[in-house]
């Protein structure tokens, strides 16, 4: 067995309590340990990514064989997601340290490491019950991070976030109980094998479990009609935390892609075609809600939050096709949208700190106004899907993959409409932030707004330093790299997609049993 497979779960799990209990009163030491641990996690993720090119690799905890024991599975998809997570985590952590956000509350670094454990575990697990366990780790850690530094609006949004997700956890348990009562297993590979034997006329409970799981994963992915928690949560969370949350919604998208392709996907008579039937209209409505929200937002963080919602709709439109071509497009767009959202949140933190408000109204010109405007322009065209950055390539791939007569008109209209509204919304915001502000006298009073963002850190009446700017610039540079190396990346993603749809290869790797497709 490759013991490095469990390292992305074990390393942050061991580091978090040490930081929380031993280093809680020594911030420089906690910062050093957290950054060092995240760098080590990134190195491990790169190693796993390099070694994941062949057949899926399985780690049997306690050397118990599947499906009786817990397994972790490393394939091209899980390796890609862990790598994206660790790259994003390091950029966010550097930003939080450089701007002082980590010093504005208790246990930031411990919670950050627990969050990484939950995310990496969700991507690597080969057991659907342990997917639930890692979801719960995510929920606990993300709630602590979301209310970091306190504030009434942040606590209210955090309470809504945790209540909604606890309801989702309850549905998750119901779904697992139903699925186990029918199949006697919760191992993903074993489920894929056993559900092939269930005839359609005896699969009512299987369809119930599949729909419940789809609702739970749609909640995590902020898909209509359970998307309403995202704008408030992301707009009120500390900006670096919201940037890390850019990968959180992708956990829901990953779960839908993994479970509804491998377990309930094509070739499973009991549930064949069911997921796509419901996902496509939900994704289209999600795009519309995100576009309207971007157009009507009066607050910078709310604007970015609604753009994230719209990007999730675009991603789920592609996933809903459950075809190899559309899945490749979805994976490329997933990587792009994660870093585009993170770039916007990190930049918004720097801008708001120097404007002392997130309101999209006329204000005095900020320090480094030209630099911030250039970075905002780059990140905005990436999120909106305009050329020449990777967002344009991603949306073009999505549109090209969705040319089936029954879906083309709706999917193309939604994606193009959402892109247009996002362009208009970001253009209006950029104009208000970096152009109109230059004509405002310094003594003009601030206009009160009820939806104003949480108070920014103090001590921001100075230019942003190199360490504060580095994460934003690095994230924008990643968008450029996704564009420059789109060809090799798409080639890798084609292989990833082929592995996703190779049910027999996954089953054989985990169980040592040849599964029929």
Protein backbone atom coordinates (compact mmCIF):
# COMPACT_ATOMS: atom_id res chain seq x y z
CA UNK A 1 0.00 0.00 0.00
CA UNK A 2 1.00 3.59 -0.60
CA UNK A 3 0.95 5.02 2.93
CA UNK A 4 1.22 8.60 1.63
CA UNK A 5 -2.44 8.39 0.63
CA UNK A 6 -3.55 8.85 4.23
CA UNK A 7 -1.09 11.69 4.90
CA UNK A 8 -3.43 14.54 3.76
CA UNK A 9 -5.88 13.35 6.43
CA UNK A 10 -3.43 12.48 9.21
CA UNK A 11 -1.09 15.48 8.99
CA UNK A 12 -3.68 18.24 9.65
CA UNK A 13 -5.46 16.00 12.15
CA UNK A 14 -2.28 15.74 14.23
CA UNK A 15 -1.23 19.35 13.72
CA UNK A 16 -4.57 20.98 14.62
CA UNK A 17 -4.76 19.89 18.30
CA UNK A 18 -1.07 20.68 18.83
CA UNK A 19 -1.66 24.22 17.57
CA UNK A 20 -4.92 24.54 19.48
CA UNK A 21 -3.67 23.35 22.88
CA UNK A 22 0.08 23.88 22.92
CA UNK A 23 0.47 27.04 20.82
CA UNK A 24 -2.77 28.83 21.55
CA UNK A 25 -1.04 31.71 23.36
CA UNK A 26 1.96 31.95 21.02
CA UNK A 27 0.74 33.37 17.72
CA UNK A 28 4.15 33.46 15.95
CA UNK A 29 4.72 29.79 16.81
CA UNK A 30 1.19 28.85 15.70
CA UNK A 31 1.71 30.70 12.42
CA UNK A 32 5.01 28.93 11.81
CA UNK A 33 3.54 25.50 12.50
CA UNK A 34 0.45 26.12 10.40
CA UNK A 35 2.36 27.45 7.39
CA UNK A 36 4.96 24.67 7.64
CA UNK A 37 2.22 22.04 7.87
CA UNK A 38 0.37 23.47 4.88
CA UNK A 39 3.57 23.58 2.82
CA UNK A 40 4.24 19.94 3.73
CA UNK A 41 0.67 19.10 2.76
CA UNK A 42 1.19 20.78 -0.61
CA UNK A 43 4.37 18.78 -1.21
CA UNK A 44 2.50 15.56 -0.38
CA UNK A 45 -0.36 16.56 -2.68
CA UNK A 46 2.07 17.16 -5.54
CA UNK A 47 3.60 13.74 -4.95
CA UNK A 48 0.18 12.06 -4.94
CA UNK A 49 -0.79 13.94 -8.10
CA UNK A 50 2.31 12.69 -9.88
CA UNK A 51 1.76 9.07 -8.82
CA UNK A 52 -1.97 8.98 -9.62
CA UNK A 53 -1.64 8.55 -13.37
CA UNK A 54 -2.34 4.81 -13.47
CA UNK A 55 -5.01 2.60 -11.90
CA UNK A 56 -6.72 3.75 -8.68
CA UNK A 57 -4.62 3.14 -5.58
CA UNK A 58 -6.32 1.93 -2.41
CA UNK A 59 -5.30 2.38 1.23
CA UNK A 60 -6.91 -0.14 3.61
CA UNK A 61 -7.02 1.26 7.15
CA UNK A 62 -5.99 -1.42 9.64
CA UNK A 63 -5.31 -3.68 6.64
CA UNK A 64 -8.98 -4.67 6.67
CA UNK A 65 -10.15 -5.68 3.18
CA UNK A 66 -13.00 -3.80 1.49
CA UNK A 67 -15.91 -3.64 1.95
CA UNK A 68 -15.48 -4.61 5.62
CA UNK A 69 -12.92 -1.95 6.48
CA UNK A 70 -12.47 1.74 5.78
CA UNK A 71 -10.67 2.55 2.55
CA UNK A 72 -9.16 5.65 0.98
CA UNK A 73 -8.92 5.72 -2.81
CA UNK A 74 -6.44 7.79 -4.79
CA UNK A 75 -7.26 8.25 -8.45
CA UNK A 76 -6.72 11.09 -10.89
CA UNK A 77 -9.83 12.97 -9.74
CA UNK A 78 -9.13 12.79 -6.01
CA UNK A 79 -5.46 13.68 -6.56
CA UNK A 80 -6.47 16.73 -8.62
CA UNK A 81 -8.93 17.92 -5.99
CA UNK A 82 -6.45 17.49 -3.13
CA UNK A 83 -3.82 19.42 -5.10
CA UNK A 84 -6.22 22.29 -5.84
CA UNK A 85 -7.21 22.36 -2.16
CA UNK A 86 -3.67 22.55 -0.84
CA UNK A 87 -2.55 25.21 -3.35
CA UNK A 88 -5.55 27.35 -2.42
CA UNK A 89 -5.01 26.72 1.31
CA UNK A 90 -1.41 27.93 1.22
CA UNK A 91 -2.36 31.13 -0.61
CA UNK A 92 -5.20 31.85 1.80
CA UNK A 93 -3.05 31.12 4.85
CA UNK A 94 -0.29 33.47 3.70
CA UNK A 95 -2.89 36.19 3.14
CA UNK A 96 -4.46 35.66 6.57
CA UNK A 97 -1.06 35.90 8.28
CA UNK A 98 0.13 38.89 6.25
CA UNK A 99 -3.05 40.90 6.85
CA UNK A 100 -3.43 39.90 10.50
CA UNK A 101 -6.81 38.21 10.13
CA UNK A 102 -5.54 35.18 12.04
CA UNK A 103 -4.93 37.37 15.11
CA UNK A 104 -8.51 38.67 15.29
CA UNK A 105 -9.98 35.64 17.04
CA UNK A 106 -9.16 32.39 18.78
CA UNK A 107 -7.97 29.14 17.24
CA UNK A 108 -7.82 30.28 13.61
CA UNK A 109 -4.91 28.02 12.70
CA UNK A 110 -6.26 24.97 14.51
CA UNK A 111 -9.62 25.34 12.79
CA UNK A 112 -7.88 25.93 9.46
CA UNK A 113 -6.04 22.62 9.74
CA UNK A 114 -9.20 20.76 10.75
CA UNK A 115 -10.87 22.27 7.68
CA UNK A 116 -8.11 20.92 5.45
CA UNK A 117 -8.51 17.52 7.05
CA UNK A 118 -12.22 17.45 6.27
CA UNK A 119 -11.81 18.64 2.68
CA UNK A 120 -8.98 16.25 1.83
CA UNK A 121 -10.75 13.36 3.54
CA UNK A 122 -13.95 13.98 1.56
CA UNK A 123 -11.98 13.81 -1.68
CA UNK A 124 -10.06 10.65 -0.76
CA UNK A 125 -12.64 8.49 1.01
CA UNK A 126 -13.91 5.36 -0.68
CA UNK A 127 -16.77 4.88 1.77
CA UNK A 128 -19.97 6.90 1.66
CA UNK A 129 -20.43 6.84 5.44
CA UNK A 130 -17.00 8.35 5.92
CA UNK A 131 -17.96 10.96 3.35
CA UNK A 132 -20.65 11.92 5.88
CA UNK A 133 -18.03 11.98 8.66
CA UNK A 134 -15.75 14.29 6.72
CA UNK A 135 -18.73 16.50 5.85
CA UNK A 136 -19.33 16.92 9.58
CA UNK A 137 -15.68 17.83 10.19
CA UNK A 138 -16.09 20.41 7.44
CA UNK A 139 -19.22 21.81 9.04
CA UNK A 140 -17.70 22.21 12.50
CA UNK A 141 -14.45 23.75 11.32
CA UNK A 142 -16.09 26.01 8.73
CA UNK A 143 -18.55 27.36 11.30
CA UNK A 144 -15.70 28.25 13.64
CA UNK A 145 -13.81 29.95 10.81
CA UNK A 146 -16.88 31.77 9.58
CA UNK A 147 -17.57 33.50 12.89
CA UNK A 148 -13.88 34.23 13.41
CA UNK A 149 -13.46 37.74 14.90
CA UNK A 150 -17.17 37.92 15.80
CA UNK A 151 -19.76 40.53 14.88
CA UNK A 152 -23.57 40.47 14.88
CA UNK A 153 -24.04 40.02 11.12
CA UNK A 154 -21.39 37.34 10.98
CA UNK A 155 -22.91 35.42 13.88
CA UNK A 156 -26.39 35.62 12.36
CA UNK A 157 -25.16 34.37 8.98
CA UNK A 158 -23.12 31.67 10.72
CA UNK A 159 -26.15 30.46 12.66
CA UNK A 160 -28.18 30.19 9.46
CA UNK A 161 -25.30 28.36 7.81
CA UNK A 162 -24.93 25.78 10.56
CA UNK A 163 -28.70 25.17 10.93
CA UNK A 164 -29.14 24.56 7.20
CA UNK A 165 -26.15 22.24 7.07
CA UNK A 166 -27.30 20.31 10.13
CA UNK A 167 -30.60 19.73 8.34
CA UNK A 168 -28.59 18.45 5.39
CA UNK A 169 -26.64 16.14 7.69
CA UNK A 170 -29.91 14.69 8.99
CA UNK A 171 -31.05 13.93 5.44
CA UNK A 172 -27.65 12.41 4.76
CA UNK A 173 -28.10 9.96 7.65
CA UNK A 174 -31.59 9.05 6.44
CA UNK A 175 -30.21 8.37 2.96
CA UNK A 176 -27.41 6.20 4.33
CA UNK A 177 -29.87 4.20 6.43
CA UNK A 178 -32.12 3.57 3.45
CA UNK A 179 -29.21 2.63 1.22
CA UNK A 180 -27.73 0.26 3.79
CA UNK A 181 -31.09 -1.42 4.37
CA UNK A 182 -31.29 -2.25 0.66
CA UNK A 183 -27.69 -3.17 -0.13
CA UNK A 184 -26.04 -4.05 3.21
CA UNK A 185 -23.00 -1.93 2.39
CA UNK A 186 -21.82 1.67 2.20
CA UNK A 187 -18.52 1.08 0.44
CA UNK A 188 -18.71 3.04 -2.84
CA UNK A 189 -17.20 0.28 -4.97
CA UNK A 190 -19.39 -2.39 -3.36
CA UNK A 191 -22.47 -0.22 -3.88
CA UNK A 192 -21.60 0.18 -7.55
CA UNK A 193 -21.40 -3.59 -7.86
CA UNK A 194 -24.55 -4.46 -5.93
CA UNK A 195 -26.84 -1.83 -7.46
CA UNK A 196 -26.23 -3.32 -10.89
CA UNK A 197 -28.18 -6.35 -9.68
CA UNK A 198 -31.25 -4.42 -8.47
CA UNK A 199 -34.10 -4.52 -11.04
CA UNK A 200 -35.96 -1.31 -11.78
CA UNK A 201 -39.30 -2.58 -10.42
CA UNK A 202 -37.73 -3.31 -7.01
CA UNK A 203 -35.67 -0.16 -6.69
CA UNK A 204 -38.06 2.33 -5.07
CA UNK A 205 -35.94 2.65 -1.94
CA UNK A 206 -32.78 2.98 -4.01
CA UNK A 207 -34.32 5.91 -5.88
CA UNK A 208 -35.36 7.49 -2.58
CA UNK A 209 -31.80 7.22 -1.26
CA UNK A 210 -30.39 8.59 -4.52
CA UNK A 211 -32.69 11.62 -4.39
CA UNK A 212 -31.92 12.30 -0.72
CA UNK A 213 -28.21 12.18 -1.44
CA UNK A 214 -28.68 14.50 -4.40
CA UNK A 215 -30.45 17.02 -2.15
CA UNK A 216 -27.64 16.80 0.42
CA UNK A 217 -24.92 17.26 -2.18
CA UNK A 218 -26.88 20.05 -3.86
CA UNK A 219 -27.03 21.80 -0.49
CA UNK A 220 -23.25 21.59 -0.18
CA UNK A 221 -22.90 22.84 -3.76
CA UNK A 222 -25.42 25.68 -3.19
CA UNK A 223 -27.71 24.51 -5.98
CA UNK A 224 -31.31 25.72 -6.31
CA UNK A 225 -33.57 25.43 -4.31
CA UNK A 226 -31.14 25.04 -1.39
CA UNK A 227 -28.72 27.79 -2.44
CA UNK A 228 -30.01 30.58 -0.19
CA UNK A 229 -27.37 30.08 2.53
CA UNK A 230 -24.39 30.89 0.31
CA UNK A 231 -24.68 34.67 -0.38
CA UNK A 232 -25.12 35.58 3.27
CA UNK A 233 -22.46 33.15 4.51
CA UNK A 234 -19.80 34.15 1.98
CA UNK A 235 -20.55 37.89 2.17
CA UNK A 236 -20.28 37.97 5.98
CA UNK A 237 -17.39 35.58 6.51
CA UNK A 238 -13.87 37.00 6.85
CA UNK A 239 -12.59 37.46 3.30
CA UNK A 240 -9.72 34.93 3.55
CA UNK A 241 -12.16 32.38 4.98
CA UNK A 242 -14.56 33.05 2.09
CA UNK A 243 -11.63 32.49 -0.27
CA UNK A 244 -11.02 29.06 1.30
CA UNK A 245 -14.75 28.36 1.05
CA UNK A 246 -14.32 28.60 -2.74
CA UNK A 247 -13.32 24.93 -2.58
CA UNK A 248 -16.13 24.04 -0.14
CA UNK A 249 -18.93 24.17 -2.69
CA UNK A 250 -16.74 22.05 -4.97
CA UNK A 251 -16.95 19.26 -2.38
CA UNK A 252 -20.69 19.03 -3.14
CA UNK A 253 -20.03 19.07 -6.89
CA UNK A 254 -17.36 16.39 -6.45
CA UNK A 255 -19.74 14.20 -4.44
CA UNK A 256 -22.44 14.47 -7.11
CA UNK A 257 -19.97 13.62 -9.84
CA UNK A 258 -18.45 10.71 -7.93
CA UNK A 259 -21.56 9.11 -6.45
CA UNK A 260 -24.04 9.75 -9.25
CA UNK A 261 -21.57 8.51 -11.85
CA UNK A 262 -20.11 5.52 -10.07
CA UNK A 263 -22.96 4.35 -7.82
CA UNK A 264 -26.17 5.66 -9.42
CA UNK A 265 -24.84 6.54 -12.84
CA UNK A 266 -25.10 5.23 -16.41
CA UNK A 267 -25.73 1.50 -16.59
CA UNK A 268 -27.51 1.30 -13.22
CA UNK A 269 -31.06 0.38 -14.25
CA UNK A 270 -32.62 1.52 -10.99
CA UNK A 271 -31.47 5.14 -11.27
CA UNK A 272 -30.21 5.65 -14.82
CA UNK A 273 -30.87 9.22 -16.03
CA UNK A 274 -32.55 10.34 -12.81
CA UNK A 275 -29.84 12.72 -11.62
CA UNK A 276 -29.49 14.64 -14.89
CA UNK A 277 -33.24 15.14 -15.14
CA UNK A 278 -33.29 17.14 -11.91
CA UNK A 279 -29.85 18.71 -11.97
CA UNK A 280 -30.13 20.58 -15.26
CA UNK A 281 -33.16 22.77 -14.40
CA UNK A 282 -31.81 23.38 -10.90
CA UNK A 283 -28.46 24.49 -12.32
CA UNK A 284 -30.12 26.82 -14.83
CA UNK A 285 -32.14 28.53 -12.09
CA UNK A 286 -28.98 28.80 -9.97
CA UNK A 287 -27.22 30.64 -12.80
CA UNK A 288 -30.16 33.05 -13.07
CA UNK A 289 -30.20 33.74 -9.32
CA UNK A 290 -26.46 34.35 -9.29
CA UNK A 291 -26.66 36.68 -12.30
CA UNK A 292 -29.48 38.75 -10.85
CA UNK A 293 -27.66 38.91 -7.52
CA UNK A 294 -24.47 40.16 -9.15
CA UNK A 295 -26.43 42.80 -11.05
CA UNK A 296 -28.22 44.04 -7.93
CA UNK A 297 -25.45 43.76 -5.32
CA UNK A 298 -24.54 46.94 -3.46
CA UNK A 299 -21.71 45.38 -1.50
CA UNK A 300 -18.42 44.06 -2.87
CA UNK A 301 -18.40 40.81 -0.91
CA UNK A 302 -22.06 40.17 -1.76
CA UNK A 303 -21.23 40.75 -5.44
CA UNK A 304 -18.48 38.13 -5.31
CA UNK A 305 -20.69 35.72 -3.35
CA UNK A 306 -23.42 35.86 -6.00
CA UNK A 307 -20.82 35.40 -8.74
CA UNK A 308 -19.68 32.22 -6.96
CA UNK A 309 -23.29 31.07 -6.93
CA UNK A 310 -23.58 31.68 -10.67
CA UNK A 311 -20.33 29.84 -11.34
CA UNK A 312 -21.63 26.83 -9.39
CA UNK A 313 -24.69 26.84 -11.64
CA UNK A 314 -22.45 26.79 -14.72
CA UNK A 315 -20.40 23.95 -13.26
CA UNK A 316 -23.50 21.90 -12.45
CA UNK A 317 -24.97 22.46 -15.93
CA UNK A 318 -21.91 20.67 -17.28
CA UNK A 319 -21.98 17.91 -14.66
CA UNK A 320 -25.70 17.29 -15.24
CA UNK A 321 -24.96 15.91 -18.72
CA UNK A 322 -22.98 13.00 -17.19
CA UNK A 323 -21.05 12.54 -20.42
CA UNK A 324 -17.25 12.28 -20.80
CA UNK A 325 -16.94 15.47 -22.87
CA UNK A 326 -19.09 17.51 -20.48
CA UNK A 327 -17.26 16.09 -17.46
CA UNK A 328 -13.90 17.19 -18.86
CA UNK A 329 -15.30 20.68 -19.38
CA UNK A 330 -16.75 20.66 -15.85
CA UNK A 331 -13.42 19.70 -14.28
CA UNK A 332 -11.54 22.44 -16.14
CA UNK A 333 -14.16 24.99 -15.13
CA UNK A 334 -14.08 23.71 -11.53
CA UNK A 335 -10.36 24.40 -11.21
CA UNK A 336 -10.70 27.80 -12.87
CA UNK A 337 -13.70 28.99 -10.85
CA UNK A 338 -12.06 28.00 -7.56
CA UNK A 339 -9.04 30.24 -8.12
CA UNK A 340 -11.06 33.04 -9.75
CA UNK A 341 -13.33 33.27 -6.70
CA UNK A 342 -10.38 33.11 -4.32
CA UNK A 343 -8.60 35.92 -6.19
CA UNK A 344 -11.65 38.15 -5.91
CA UNK A 345 -12.16 37.52 -2.19
CA UNK A 346 -8.50 38.09 -1.34
CA UNK A 347 -8.40 41.29 -3.38
CA UNK A 348 -11.69 42.47 -1.87
CA UNK A 349 -10.15 42.16 1.58
CA UNK A 350 -7.29 44.48 0.62
CA UNK A 351 -9.64 46.98 -1.02
CA UNK A 352 -12.24 47.04 1.76
CA UNK A 353 -9.56 47.48 4.40
CA UNK A 354 -8.42 50.68 2.68
CA UNK A 355 -11.90 51.97 1.87
CA UNK A 356 -13.12 51.08 5.38
CA UNK A 357 -16.35 49.81 3.81
CA UNK A 358 -17.53 47.31 1.24
CA UNK A 359 -20.29 49.51 -0.14
CA UNK A 360 -20.14 49.97 -3.94
CA UNK A 361 -20.52 53.73 -3.78
CA UNK A 362 -18.33 56.72 -4.50
CA UNK A 363 -15.43 56.93 -2.05
CA UNK A 364 -12.01 58.55 -1.97
CA UNK A 365 -9.42 56.82 -4.12
CA UNK A 366 -7.68 54.00 -2.29
CA UNK A 367 -3.97 53.65 -1.87
CA UNK A 368 -2.49 51.70 -4.81
CA UNK A 369 -5.72 52.36 -6.69
CA UNK A 370 -4.23 51.53 -10.10
CA UNK A 371 -2.73 48.23 -8.94
CA UNK A 372 -5.96 47.14 -7.27
CA UNK A 373 -7.93 48.12 -10.36
CA UNK A 374 -5.69 46.02 -12.61
CA UNK A 375 -5.95 42.98 -10.33
CA UNK A 376 -9.72 43.42 -10.03
CA UNK A 377 -10.03 43.68 -13.82
CA UNK A 378 -8.05 40.46 -14.32
CA UNK A 379 -9.96 38.48 -11.69
CA UNK A 380 -13.33 39.85 -12.85
CA UNK A 381 -12.86 38.91 -16.50
CA UNK A 382 -11.78 35.48 -15.31
CA UNK A 383 -14.93 35.03 -13.23
CA UNK A 384 -17.19 36.45 -15.96
CA UNK A 385 -15.69 34.16 -18.59
CA UNK A 386 -14.28 36.79 -20.92
CA UNK A 387 -11.20 36.24 -23.08
CA UNK A 388 -8.29 35.85 -22.80
CA UNK A 389 -8.28 34.12 -19.38
CA UNK A 390 -9.26 30.58 -18.48
CA UNK A 391 -12.89 31.43 -17.70
CA UNK A 392 -13.52 31.96 -21.41
CA UNK A 393 -11.94 28.60 -22.27
CA UNK A 394 -13.91 26.86 -19.53
CA UNK A 395 -17.27 28.27 -20.59
CA UNK A 396 -16.48 27.60 -24.25
CA UNK A 397 -15.77 23.97 -23.37
CA UNK A 398 -19.02 23.76 -21.39
CA UNK A 399 -21.07 25.19 -24.27
CA UNK A 400 -19.36 22.91 -26.78
CA UNK A 401 -20.16 19.87 -24.63
CA UNK A 402 -23.86 20.78 -24.29
CA UNK A 403 -25.05 20.55 -27.88
CA UNK A 404 -27.69 17.87 -27.42
CA UNK A 405 -31.03 19.00 -28.95
CA UNK A 406 -32.92 18.66 -25.68
CA UNK A 407 -30.53 20.75 -23.59
CA UNK A 408 -28.67 23.10 -25.92
CA UNK A 409 -31.21 25.95 -26.02
CA UNK A 410 -31.71 26.08 -22.24
CA UNK A 411 -28.08 25.52 -21.27
CA UNK A 412 -26.61 27.97 -23.78
CA UNK A 413 -29.17 30.65 -22.94
CA UNK A 414 -28.51 30.32 -19.21
CA UNK A 415 -24.71 30.35 -19.48
CA UNK A 416 -24.61 33.26 -21.94
CA UNK A 417 -27.20 35.27 -19.99
CA UNK A 418 -25.33 34.66 -16.74
CA UNK A 419 -22.06 35.73 -18.34
CA UNK A 420 -23.57 38.94 -19.67
CA UNK A 421 -25.10 39.88 -16.34
CA UNK A 422 -21.85 39.08 -14.53
CA UNK A 423 -19.89 41.29 -16.94
CA UNK A 424 -22.31 44.17 -16.38
CA UNK A 425 -22.26 43.72 -12.60
CA UNK A 426 -18.49 43.61 -12.32
CA UNK A 427 -18.09 46.54 -14.73
CA UNK A 428 -20.42 48.62 -12.56
CA UNK A 429 -18.57 47.59 -9.41
CA UNK A 430 -15.15 48.29 -10.88
CA UNK A 431 -16.26 51.70 -12.06
CA UNK A 432 -17.59 52.60 -8.61
CA UNK A 433 -14.53 51.29 -6.80
CA UNK A 434 -11.66 52.52 -8.91
CA UNK A 435 -12.90 55.25 -11.25
CA UNK A 436 -15.72 57.26 -9.70
CA UNK A 437 -13.93 57.25 -6.37
CA UNK A 438 -11.18 59.50 -7.69
CA UNK A 439 -13.58 62.45 -7.97
CA UNK A 440 -14.89 62.25 -4.41
CA UNK A 441 -13.60 64.78 -1.85
CA UNK A 442 -11.78 63.26 1.09
CA UNK A 443 -14.16 64.86 3.59
CA UNK A 444 -17.34 63.47 2.02
CA UNK A 445 -19.29 61.48 4.62
CA UNK A 446 -19.92 57.80 4.07
CA UNK A 447 -23.40 56.75 3.02
CA UNK A 448 -24.94 54.37 5.52
CA UNK A 449 -25.88 50.95 4.17
CA UNK A 450 -27.69 48.20 5.98
CA UNK A 451 -25.82 45.46 4.15
CA UNK A 452 -22.35 46.82 4.83
CA UNK A 453 -19.59 44.24 5.17
CA UNK A 454 -18.02 43.41 8.53
CA UNK A 455 -15.48 45.85 9.88
CA UNK A 456 -12.08 45.54 8.25
CA UNK A 457 -8.90 45.05 10.22
CA UNK A 458 -7.38 48.19 11.65
CA UNK A 459 -4.07 49.70 10.64
CA UNK A 460 -4.79 49.75 6.90
CA UNK A 461 -3.96 53.38 6.15
CA UNK A 462 -0.80 52.24 4.37
CA UNK A 463 0.07 50.58 1.07
CA UNK A 464 -0.31 46.82 0.91
CA UNK A 465 3.00 45.07 1.45
CA UNK A 466 4.59 42.44 -0.75
CA UNK A 467 3.31 39.55 1.40
CA UNK A 468 -0.24 40.93 1.32
CA UNK A 469 -0.21 41.30 -2.46
CA UNK A 470 1.61 38.03 -3.21
CA UNK A 471 -1.38 35.65 -2.70
CA UNK A 472 -3.66 37.74 -4.93
CA UNK A 473 -1.03 38.05 -7.64
CA UNK A 474 -0.23 34.33 -7.41
CA UNK A 475 -3.91 33.42 -7.76
CA UNK A 476 -4.29 35.65 -10.83
CA UNK A 477 -1.09 34.10 -12.20
CA UNK A 478 -2.68 30.68 -11.80
CA UNK A 479 -5.56 31.83 -14.03
CA UNK A 480 -2.99 32.84 -16.63
CA UNK A 481 -1.28 29.46 -16.30
CA UNK A 482 -4.61 27.65 -16.72
CA UNK A 483 -4.98 29.54 -19.98
CA UNK A 484 -1.40 29.04 -21.19
CA UNK A 485 -1.30 25.34 -20.38
CA UNK A 486 -4.93 24.60 -21.22
CA UNK A 487 -3.91 21.94 -23.75
CA UNK A 488 -1.88 19.72 -21.39
CA UNK A 489 -4.40 20.23 -18.60
CA UNK A 490 -7.32 19.20 -20.80
CA UNK A 491 -5.32 16.15 -21.85
CA UNK A 492 -4.92 15.20 -18.19
CA UNK A 493 -8.60 15.85 -17.55
CA UNK A 494 -9.56 13.62 -20.50
CA UNK A 495 -7.72 10.79 -18.77
CA UNK A 496 -9.39 11.71 -15.49
CA UNK A 497 -12.82 11.58 -17.10
CA UNK A 498 -12.09 8.19 -18.66
CA UNK A 499 -11.16 6.90 -15.21
CA UNK A 500 -14.32 8.38 -13.65
CA UNK A 501 -16.53 6.49 -16.10
CA UNK A 502 -14.51 3.26 -15.79
CA UNK A 503 -16.68 1.66 -13.13
CA UNK A 504 -15.10 -1.78 -13.51
CA UNK A 505 -11.60 -0.37 -13.02
CA UNK A 506 -12.61 1.33 -9.76
CA UNK A 507 -14.42 -1.76 -8.45
CA UNK A 508 -11.54 -4.03 -9.34
CA UNK A 509 -9.00 -1.77 -7.66
CA UNK A 510 -10.98 -1.57 -4.41
CA UNK A 511 -12.57 -5.02 -4.17
CA UNK A 512 -10.39 -7.10 -6.44
CA UNK A 513 -13.63 -8.08 -8.22
CA UNK A 514 -14.41 -7.41 -11.85
CA UNK A 515 -17.51 -5.24 -12.03
CA UNK A 516 -19.74 -5.38 -15.08
CA UNK A 517 -20.54 -2.05 -16.77
